[in-house]
Amino acid sequence: MTALPPSLSPPRSQTTCASLHQELQIIWDEIGESDVERDKMLLELEQECLDIYRRKVERTRKSKADLHHSLAQFESEIANIVTALEEHSFSFSRGKGTLKQQYLI
């Protein structure tokens, strides 16, 4: 696993998973939670964490696909415009009358 760049790393004062796990262990020690129950809760936490990561990855994949689709549509529209411009020969001829009259035509 690669480390996050300093700009994306959480501040040192922010709670980490390890510190929360340690706090949980202390609380379990104080209340006398069994090892079986501890393991069960840790497994649940791990599953919840994986579910959250999965949802984030799926949303990011969808966002990426949506961006690709939008770019493809944009490229298609540009290609259509270019084709339309190439098919039409533009000619400009001034009509008769004053410049103002020609402008209004």
Foldseek 3Di string as FASTA:
>chain_A
DDDDPPVPDDDPVDDDPVNVVVVVVVVCVVVVPDPVVVVVVVVVVVVVVVVVVVVVVVVVVVVVVVVVVVVVVVVVVVVVVVVVVVVDDDDDDFDDDDPVVSVVD
